[in-house]
Protein backbone atom coordinates (compact mmCIF):
# COMPACT_ATOMS: atom_id res chain seq x y z
CA MET A 1 0.00 0.00 0.00
CA HIS A 2 1.37 3.41 -0.97
CA ALA A 3 0.29 6.73 0.49
CA SER A 4 1.42 10.29 1.10
CA LEU A 5 1.30 11.01 4.80
CA PRO A 6 1.94 14.24 6.71
CA LEU A 7 5.16 13.75 8.62
CA ALA A 8 5.27 17.06 10.41
CA GLY A 9 2.93 19.89 11.36
CA GLY A 10 1.42 22.51 9.05
CA ASP A 11 1.32 21.92 5.30
CA VAL A 12 4.38 19.72 5.16
CA GLY A 13 2.28 16.72 4.14
CA ALA A 14 1.21 18.50 0.97
CA SER A 15 4.77 18.70 -0.29
CA ALA A 16 6.06 15.44 1.11
CA LYS A 17 7.25 12.75 -1.27
CA PRO A 18 5.41 9.41 -1.37
CA VAL A 19 6.32 7.13 1.50
CA SER A 20 7.42 3.53 1.35
CA ASP A 21 5.08 0.59 1.99
CA VAL A 22 3.61 1.00 5.46
CA THR A 23 3.09 -2.71 6.04
CA THR A 24 5.22 -5.78 5.60
CA ARG A 25 4.01 -9.36 5.20
CA ARG A 26 6.15 -12.18 6.49
CA LYS A 27 5.58 -15.92 6.84
CA ARG A 28 4.91 -16.92 10.45
CA HIS A 29 3.51 -20.47 10.62
CA ALA A 30 4.03 -23.41 8.28
CA ALA A 31 0.94 -25.01 6.74
CA LEU A 32 1.28 -28.21 8.76
CA VAL A 33 1.57 -26.26 12.02
CA ARG A 34 -1.68 -24.44 11.21
CA ILE A 35 -3.52 -27.59 10.15
CA THR A 36 -2.48 -29.58 13.23
CA HIS A 37 -3.25 -26.58 15.47
CA TRP A 38 -6.88 -26.42 14.35
CA LEU A 39 -7.35 -30.20 14.28
CA THR A 40 -6.00 -30.38 17.83
CA THR A 41 -8.34 -27.56 18.85
CA ILE A 42 -11.35 -29.45 17.49
CA ALA A 43 -10.23 -32.70 19.12
CA PHE A 44 -9.53 -31.04 22.47
CA PHE A 45 -12.93 -29.40 22.77
CA ALA A 46 -14.65 -32.61 21.68
CA LEU A 47 -12.70 -34.48 24.36
CA LEU A 48 -13.54 -31.81 26.93
CA ILE A 49 -17.28 -31.91 26.25
CA SER A 50 -17.52 -35.69 26.08
CA GLY A 51 -15.17 -36.14 29.03
CA GLY A 52 -17.30 -33.83 31.16
CA GLU A 53 -20.34 -35.96 30.42
CA ILE A 54 -18.41 -39.12 31.32
CA VAL A 55 -17.32 -37.59 34.64
CA LEU A 56 -20.96 -36.95 35.55
CA SER A 57 -21.53 -40.72 35.72
CA HIS A 58 -19.36 -40.70 38.86
CA PRO A 59 -18.14 -37.22 39.87
CA ARG A 60 -15.74 -38.53 42.51
CA PHE A 61 -12.05 -39.37 42.29
CA TYR A 62 -9.93 -41.90 44.16
CA TRP A 63 -6.34 -43.13 44.37
CA GLY A 64 -5.29 -46.71 43.85
CA GLU A 65 -6.85 -49.53 41.88
CA SER A 66 -10.50 -49.34 42.89
CA GLY A 67 -13.02 -46.74 43.96
CA ASN A 68 -16.74 -46.77 44.77
CA VAL A 69 -19.42 -44.92 46.71
CA ASN A 70 -18.44 -46.78 49.90
CA MET A 71 -14.92 -45.31 49.79
CA ARG A 72 -13.82 -41.81 50.69
CA PRO A 73 -12.75 -39.90 47.57
CA TRP A 74 -9.88 -37.44 47.57
CA LEU A 75 -12.03 -35.17 45.41
CA ASN A 76 -15.79 -34.84 45.29
CA LEU A 77 -17.04 -32.41 42.66
CA HIS A 78 -20.47 -32.15 44.34
CA LEU A 79 -22.23 -32.34 40.99
CA PRO A 80 -25.42 -34.20 40.12
CA SER A 81 -24.78 -37.61 38.59
CA SER A 82 -26.23 -39.53 35.67
CA ARG A 83 -26.25 -42.69 37.82
CA GLY A 84 -28.86 -43.22 40.51
CA THR A 85 -26.44 -45.34 42.54
CA VAL A 86 -24.14 -42.38 43.22
CA PRO A 87 -25.29 -40.39 46.28
CA THR A 88 -24.86 -36.73 45.37
CA GLY A 89 -27.31 -35.02 47.71
CA TYR A 90 -29.39 -33.78 44.79
CA GLY A 91 -32.99 -34.82 44.48
CA TYR A 92 -32.73 -35.88 40.87
CA VAL A 93 -30.62 -37.94 38.48
CA LEU A 94 -29.31 -36.57 35.19
CA GLU A 95 -30.11 -38.27 31.93
CA ASP A 96 -27.48 -40.87 31.11
CA GLU A 97 -25.56 -39.65 28.05
CA ASN A 98 -22.65 -42.07 28.34
CA GLY A 99 -23.37 -43.71 25.00
CA TRP A 100 -22.62 -40.85 22.62
CA SER A 101 -20.10 -39.23 24.98
CA ARG A 102 -17.87 -42.31 25.18
CA TYR A 103 -18.10 -42.83 21.43
CA LEU A 104 -17.19 -39.18 20.74
CA HIS A 105 -14.41 -39.33 23.34
CA PHE A 106 -12.88 -42.37 21.67
CA GLN A 107 -13.06 -40.86 18.16
CA ALA A 108 -11.71 -37.46 19.28
CA ALA A 109 -8.88 -39.17 21.14
CA TRP A 110 -7.78 -40.91 17.96
CA LEU A 111 -7.89 -37.58 16.11
CA ALA A 112 -5.75 -35.96 18.81
CA VAL A 113 -3.24 -38.84 18.89
CA LEU A 114 -2.78 -39.06 15.12
CA THR A 115 -2.59 -35.26 14.75
CA GLY A 116 -0.08 -35.00 17.57
CA LEU A 117 2.02 -37.83 16.17
CA LEU A 118 2.09 -36.17 12.74
CA TYR A 119 3.09 -32.84 14.29
CA VAL A 120 5.90 -34.36 16.39
CA LEU A 121 7.34 -36.38 13.51
CA TRP A 122 7.23 -33.35 11.22
CA GLY A 123 8.70 -31.11 13.92
CA VAL A 124 11.65 -33.43 14.45
CA TRP A 125 12.19 -33.93 10.72
CA ARG A 126 12.06 -30.24 9.83
CA GLY A 127 13.86 -29.00 12.94
CA HIS A 128 10.79 -27.07 14.07
CA PHE A 129 11.30 -27.77 17.76
CA ARG A 130 15.01 -26.98 17.72
CA ARG A 131 14.52 -23.80 15.71
CA ASN A 132 11.29 -22.41 17.17
CA LEU A 133 10.60 -23.98 20.56
CA PHE A 134 13.77 -24.99 22.38
CA PRO A 135 14.94 -21.88 24.27
CA ASP A 136 18.53 -20.69 24.25
CA SER A 137 20.51 -21.18 27.44
CA ALA A 138 20.69 -17.40 27.89
CA ASP A 139 16.88 -17.19 27.87
CA LEU A 140 16.71 -19.60 30.81
CA SER A 141 18.54 -17.25 33.16
CA PRO A 142 16.51 -16.13 36.21
CA LYS A 143 16.55 -12.54 34.97
CA ARG A 144 15.19 -13.38 31.50
CA LEU A 145 12.54 -15.67 32.96
CA GLY A 146 11.56 -13.08 35.56
CA ASP A 147 11.29 -10.29 32.99
CA SER A 148 9.14 -12.43 30.72
CA LEU A 149 6.89 -13.46 33.61
CA ILE A 150 6.41 -9.84 34.72
CA LYS A 151 5.45 -8.80 31.18
CA HIS A 152 2.84 -11.55 31.08
CA LEU A 153 1.44 -10.68 34.50
CA ARG A 154 1.15 -7.04 33.41
CA PHE A 155 -0.55 -8.12 30.17
CA GLU A 156 1.98 -6.11 28.19
CA ARG A 157 1.57 -6.16 24.44
CA PRO A 158 4.49 -8.07 22.84
CA GLY A 159 7.14 -6.05 21.03
CA ARG A 160 7.69 -6.03 17.29
CA ASP A 161 10.37 -8.75 17.39
CA GLU A 162 8.06 -11.15 19.25
CA ALA A 163 5.67 -11.14 16.29
CA TRP A 164 8.15 -13.41 14.50
CA SER A 165 8.98 -15.82 17.32
CA TYR A 166 7.90 -17.20 20.71
CA ASN A 167 9.17 -15.74 23.96
CA VAL A 168 10.83 -17.96 26.55
CA LEU A 169 7.67 -18.62 28.60
CA GLN A 170 5.76 -19.56 25.48
CA ARG A 171 8.52 -21.95 24.44
CA ILE A 172 8.63 -23.65 27.84
CA SER A 173 4.85 -23.94 28.15
CA TYR A 174 4.47 -25.34 24.61
CA LEU A 175 7.21 -27.89 25.22
CA LEU A 176 5.55 -29.00 28.47
CA VAL A 177 2.20 -29.37 26.76
CA ILE A 178 3.59 -31.23 23.74
CA PHE A 179 6.06 -33.55 25.46
CA VAL A 180 4.64 -33.93 29.00
CA LEU A 181 0.93 -33.16 29.37
CA PHE A 182 -0.38 -34.61 26.11
CA PRO A 183 1.62 -37.88 26.40
CA LEU A 184 0.49 -38.20 30.03
CA MET A 185 -3.09 -37.56 28.96
CA ILE A 186 -2.86 -40.37 26.38
CA TRP A 187 -1.17 -42.74 28.81
CA THR A 188 -3.69 -42.23 31.61
CA GLY A 189 -6.56 -42.52 29.15
CA LEU A 190 -5.31 -45.85 27.85
CA ALA A 191 -4.69 -47.04 31.42
CA MET A 192 -8.42 -46.72 32.10
CA SER A 193 -9.22 -49.09 29.23
CA PHE A 194 -9.68 -52.68 30.42
CA GLY A 195 -8.88 -54.00 26.95
CA PHE A 196 -5.61 -52.08 26.81
CA THR A 197 -4.52 -52.95 30.36
CA ALA A 198 -5.29 -56.63 29.72
CA ALA A 199 -2.68 -56.57 26.97
CA PHE A 200 -0.29 -54.16 28.72
CA PRO A 201 -0.84 -54.48 32.49
CA TRP A 202 2.37 -52.58 33.24
CA ALA A 203 0.79 -49.41 31.81
CA VAL A 204 -1.61 -49.12 34.73
CA LYS A 205 0.69 -50.64 37.35
CA LEU A 206 3.30 -47.94 36.77
CA LEU A 207 0.64 -45.32 37.49
CA GLY A 208 -0.55 -47.04 40.68
CA GLY A 209 -3.94 -48.36 39.57
CA GLN A 210 -6.88 -47.45 37.36
CA GLN A 211 -8.39 -44.97 39.82
CA THR A 212 -5.04 -43.21 40.07
CA ALA A 213 -4.96 -43.10 36.28
CA ARG A 214 -8.46 -41.57 36.27
CA SER A 215 -7.44 -38.97 38.84
CA LEU A 216 -4.27 -38.06 36.95
CA HIS A 217 -6.31 -37.86 33.74
CA PHE A 218 -8.61 -35.34 35.42
CA ILE A 219 -5.71 -33.29 36.82
CA VAL A 220 -3.94 -33.12 33.46
CA THR A 221 -7.20 -32.07 31.84
CA GLY A 222 -7.44 -29.20 34.31
CA LEU A 223 -3.89 -28.11 33.53
CA LEU A 224 -4.60 -28.17 29.80
CA VAL A 225 -7.77 -26.12 30.30
CA VAL A 226 -5.77 -23.52 32.25
CA PHE A 227 -3.17 -23.47 29.46
CA VAL A 228 -5.86 -22.95 26.81
CA LEU A 229 -7.51 -20.12 28.78
CA ILE A 230 -4.18 -18.33 29.27
CA HIS A 231 -3.36 -18.91 25.62
CA ILE A 232 -6.64 -17.31 24.52
CA VAL A 233 -6.17 -14.33 26.84
CA MET A 234 -2.62 -13.74 25.56
CA VAL A 235 -3.85 -13.94 21.96
CA PHE A 236 -6.21 -11.05 22.70
CA VAL A 237 -3.45 -9.12 24.50
CA ALA A 238 -0.98 -9.62 21.64
CA GLY A 239 -3.57 -8.69 19.01
CA PHE A 240 -6.43 -11.01 18.15
CA ARG A 241 -6.66 -10.21 14.45
CA THR A 242 -2.92 -10.38 13.94
CA ARG A 243 -2.50 -13.70 15.72
CA MET A 244 -5.59 -15.26 14.14
CA ARG A 245 -4.46 -14.12 10.70
CA ALA A 246 -1.08 -15.73 11.29
CA MET A 247 -2.62 -19.05 12.37
CA ILE A 248 -5.09 -19.09 9.46
CA THR A 249 -3.09 -17.65 6.56
CA GLY A 250 0.40 -18.32 7.91
CA ALA A 251 1.55 -14.71 7.57
CA THR A 252 2.00 -11.80 9.97
CA ILE A 253 1.57 -8.20 8.85
CA THR A 254 3.41 -5.48 10.75
CA GLY A 255 4.42 -1.86 10.25
CA ALA A 256 7.37 -0.74 8.13
CA THR A 257 9.57 2.32 8.00
CA ILE A 258 7.99 5.45 6.52
CA THR A 259 10.38 7.85 4.85
CA GLY A 260 9.32 11.22 3.40
CA ALA A 261 10.89 14.48 2.32
CA THR A 262 9.56 17.93 3.21
CA SER A 263 9.47 20.90 0.86
CA THR A 264 12.71 22.17 2.38
CA GLY A 265 14.51 18.97 1.47
CA ALA A 266 14.67 17.58 5.00
CA THR A 267 14.13 13.82 5.30
CA ILE A 268 11.94 12.50 8.06
CA THR A 269 11.76 8.82 8.99
CA ARG A 270 9.01 7.43 11.14
CA ARG A 271 8.36 3.88 12.24
CA ALA A 272 4.80 2.86 11.49
CA THR A 273 3.34 0.62 14.20
CA PRO A 274 0.95 -2.22 13.49
CA PRO A 275 -2.67 -1.40 14.22
CA THR A 276 -4.06 -2.32 17.60
CA GLU A 277 -6.05 -5.48 17.07
């Protein structure tokens, strides 16, 4: 886009020479990153909705191998249940929706697993993790980490350079989600399957039992929900339209340098900032 902009007061703009392009377009996300991002988003919310319905069949959590209404749970959600055998204190029983919810949960889990596997294999092959996610040793210093944390707590808008890369807290959180939370979510989910544990009993024994697996599954889900909420908030802080455009089209548009000349021959340079989005 070309335009003639006033760079100083008075009638200087009338005699100023045309300025350079005020916006620059640069590739931000690869196509596979964008595709797997949105597929994972769909799978996660499908898992969250169906998983919530499954929890309502017994909204209590235990440690160990077994758990029932005659045992004291470590966590009672105090929600109405879809099973009449679960004493909740409410005077009614919810409609049992375990049929479609378990089916959707199973299908969405496969979508999440296959999408995640594709993303990890591609990331290793193309050096995506090494180049874009693994932080430099200097970034892990207490000062750098503290400065980044303070900026996030103050909801400061990221600087121009951060439009092209992730900051250190983003890198650490993404790595934890990709290589710790999601694998643990898959493991604990499989450990609750009687068919899977019959073939691989060690999978549930290492966790300490099926009820422990269920509890860990719930805890990891909570951590992922917190991550998603913070992620959404930071997208709005950083600029919703800019970040959404980057994750849909793959490109980021930012301001460029504006250079103009006044009628007296003086050259004025101004840095155009990206619009607040």
